[in-house]
Protein backbone atom coordinates (compact mmCIF):
# COMPACT_ATOMS: atom_id res chain seq x y z
CA MET A 1 100.17 98.48 103.79
CA MET A 2 99.24 97.69 100.15
CA ILE A 3 96.24 99.65 98.72
CA SER A 4 93.83 96.96 97.10
CA THR A 5 92.24 97.22 93.68
CA ARG A 6 88.90 98.16 95.52
CA GLY A 7 90.56 101.43 96.95
CA ARG A 8 92.12 102.16 93.95
CA TYR A 9 89.10 101.75 91.82
CA ALA A 10 87.13 103.81 94.27
CA LEU A 11 89.33 106.59 93.92
CA ARG A 12 89.18 106.42 90.17
CA VAL A 13 85.51 106.40 90.42
CA MET A 14 85.41 109.64 92.59
CA LEU A 15 87.96 111.19 90.08
CA ASP A 16 85.79 110.23 87.19
CA LEU A 17 82.56 111.88 88.69
CA ALA A 18 84.76 114.71 89.64
CA MET A 19 86.06 115.23 86.09
CA ASP A 20 82.39 115.01 84.74
CA GLU A 21 81.59 118.63 84.35
CA THR A 22 77.96 118.17 83.11
CA GLY A 23 76.53 118.53 86.44
CA SER A 24 74.30 115.57 85.97
CA TYR A 25 73.94 112.11 87.39
CA VAL A 26 76.66 109.47 85.54
CA PRO A 27 75.57 106.17 84.93
CA LEU A 28 77.77 103.27 86.26
CA ASP A 29 78.07 101.76 82.97
CA ARG A 30 79.56 104.82 81.42
CA ILE A 31 82.13 105.20 84.49
CA ALA A 32 82.92 101.56 83.95
CA ARG A 33 83.55 101.90 80.41
CA ARG A 34 85.58 105.15 80.73
CA GLU A 35 87.78 103.61 83.53
CA GLY A 36 88.04 100.04 81.91
CA ILE A 37 86.88 98.50 85.11
CA SER A 38 84.07 95.80 85.21
CA GLU A 39 80.73 97.19 86.00
CA LYS A 40 80.02 94.34 88.43
CA TYR A 41 83.05 95.02 90.54
CA LEU A 42 82.24 98.75 90.57
CA GLU A 43 78.61 98.09 91.68
CA SER A 44 80.03 96.88 95.03
CA ILE A 45 82.04 99.77 95.40
CA ILE A 46 79.58 102.52 94.37
CA VAL A 47 77.11 101.08 96.98
CA CYS A 48 79.99 101.46 99.63
CA LEU A 49 80.64 105.14 98.51
CA SER A 50 76.87 105.84 98.26
CA ARG A 51 76.07 104.47 101.84
CA ALA A 52 78.87 106.61 103.33
CA GLY A 53 77.39 109.78 101.54
CA LEU A 54 80.48 110.35 99.44
CA VAL A 55 78.13 110.07 96.24
CA LYS A 56 74.57 110.22 95.79
CA ALA A 57 72.52 107.87 93.63
CA LEU A 58 69.54 108.27 91.34
CA ARG A 59 67.59 105.32 90.01
CA GLY A 60 65.94 105.13 86.70
CA LYS A 61 65.95 106.95 83.59
CA GLY A 62 68.57 109.66 83.71
CA GLY A 63 69.99 108.00 86.87
CA GLY A 64 73.41 107.34 87.93
CA TYR A 65 75.83 108.79 90.38
CA LEU A 66 76.93 112.35 91.48
CA LEU A 67 79.58 113.68 94.20
CA THR A 68 77.86 115.30 97.05
CA ARG A 69 80.68 117.66 97.66
CA GLN A 70 83.12 119.80 95.83
CA PRO A 71 86.44 117.78 94.84
CA GLU A 72 88.52 119.82 97.01
CA GLU A 73 86.28 118.81 99.87
CA TYR A 74 87.34 115.02 99.44
CA PRO A 75 90.55 114.02 101.17
CA ILE A 76 92.11 110.86 99.65
CA GLY A 77 92.43 109.48 102.99
CA GLU A 78 88.72 109.59 103.59
CA VAL A 79 88.06 107.63 100.38
CA LEU A 80 90.80 104.99 100.87
CA ARG A 81 89.81 104.37 104.69
CA LEU A 82 86.32 103.80 103.60
CA THR A 83 87.20 100.99 101.18
CA GLU A 84 90.37 99.59 102.89
CA LYS A 85 90.11 97.54 105.92
CA THR A 86 93.11 99.46 107.21
CA LEU A 87 95.67 101.97 106.03
CA ALA A 88 98.26 100.74 108.91
CA PRO A 89 101.63 99.96 108.14
CA VAL A 90 101.70 97.02 110.50
CA SER A 91 99.06 94.85 111.94
CA CYS A 92 99.72 96.09 115.54
CA LEU A 93 98.32 99.42 114.70
CA GLU A 94 95.10 98.31 113.29
CA ALA A 95 91.77 99.45 114.68
CA GLY A 96 90.83 97.37 117.58
CA MET A 97 94.26 95.83 117.76
CA ASP A 98 95.96 96.12 121.31
CA CYS A 99 99.51 94.92 121.04
CA PRO A 100 100.47 93.66 124.41
CA GLN A 101 104.06 94.26 123.55
CA ALA A 102 103.70 97.86 122.59
CA ALA A 103 105.05 99.29 125.84
CA GLU A 104 108.40 97.07 125.35
CA CYS A 105 108.62 97.12 121.38
CA PRO A 106 111.38 99.25 120.43
CA THR A 107 109.86 99.53 116.96
CA PHE A 108 106.55 100.53 117.97
CA PRO A 109 107.29 104.17 117.85
CA LEU A 110 108.74 104.04 114.39
CA TRP A 111 105.44 102.30 113.14
CA GLN A 112 103.26 104.88 114.86
CA GLY A 113 105.27 107.62 113.41
CA LEU A 114 105.02 105.99 109.76
CA ASP A 115 101.25 105.50 110.32
CA LYS A 116 100.98 109.27 111.13
CA VAL A 117 103.01 110.27 108.03
CA ILE A 118 100.75 108.09 105.79
CA ASP A 119 97.51 109.55 107.36
CA ASP A 120 98.86 113.11 107.31
CA TYR A 121 99.83 112.75 103.45
CA LEU A 122 96.69 111.09 102.43
CA MET A 123 94.43 113.58 104.34
CA ALA A 124 96.32 116.57 102.96
CA HIS A 125 95.61 115.78 99.28
CA THR A 126 92.18 115.89 97.79
CA LEU A 127 90.33 114.70 94.47
CA GLN A 128 90.98 118.15 93.44
CA ASP A 129 94.74 117.84 93.60
CA LEU A 130 94.58 114.76 91.27
CA LEU A 131 92.38 116.36 88.71
CA PRO A 132 94.24 117.42 85.45
CA LYS A 133 95.18 120.87 85.24
CA LYS A 134 93.11 123.07 82.84
CA LYS A 135 95.29 124.77 80.27
């Protein structure tokens, strides 16, 4: 499993919004500038986050993006699962994949266990956990 730039950038966008304490909508160009990421690339990511209800969008003057929940209510696994095709460590565990050799494969339980560890770990950590600690 390798997390793509799409997944990493989605997480950075969510963290950027979580760190913005103004309570107002944050324009995408501001996020792109602060994160050093192409605004064009962020557009496709933010649309995905918005459609899934992780952020809300407001068009026009004063528009931008805002989290729909508190940072502690966003498991990292939810953000990554949305933006990545899969978080499975091997292809035979990907959604919709029915491995014909699973019953006889001596390594299948190992991969299942690793998949569970990855899922449990990512779901146990939230955006709040990644925010800088206030002094």
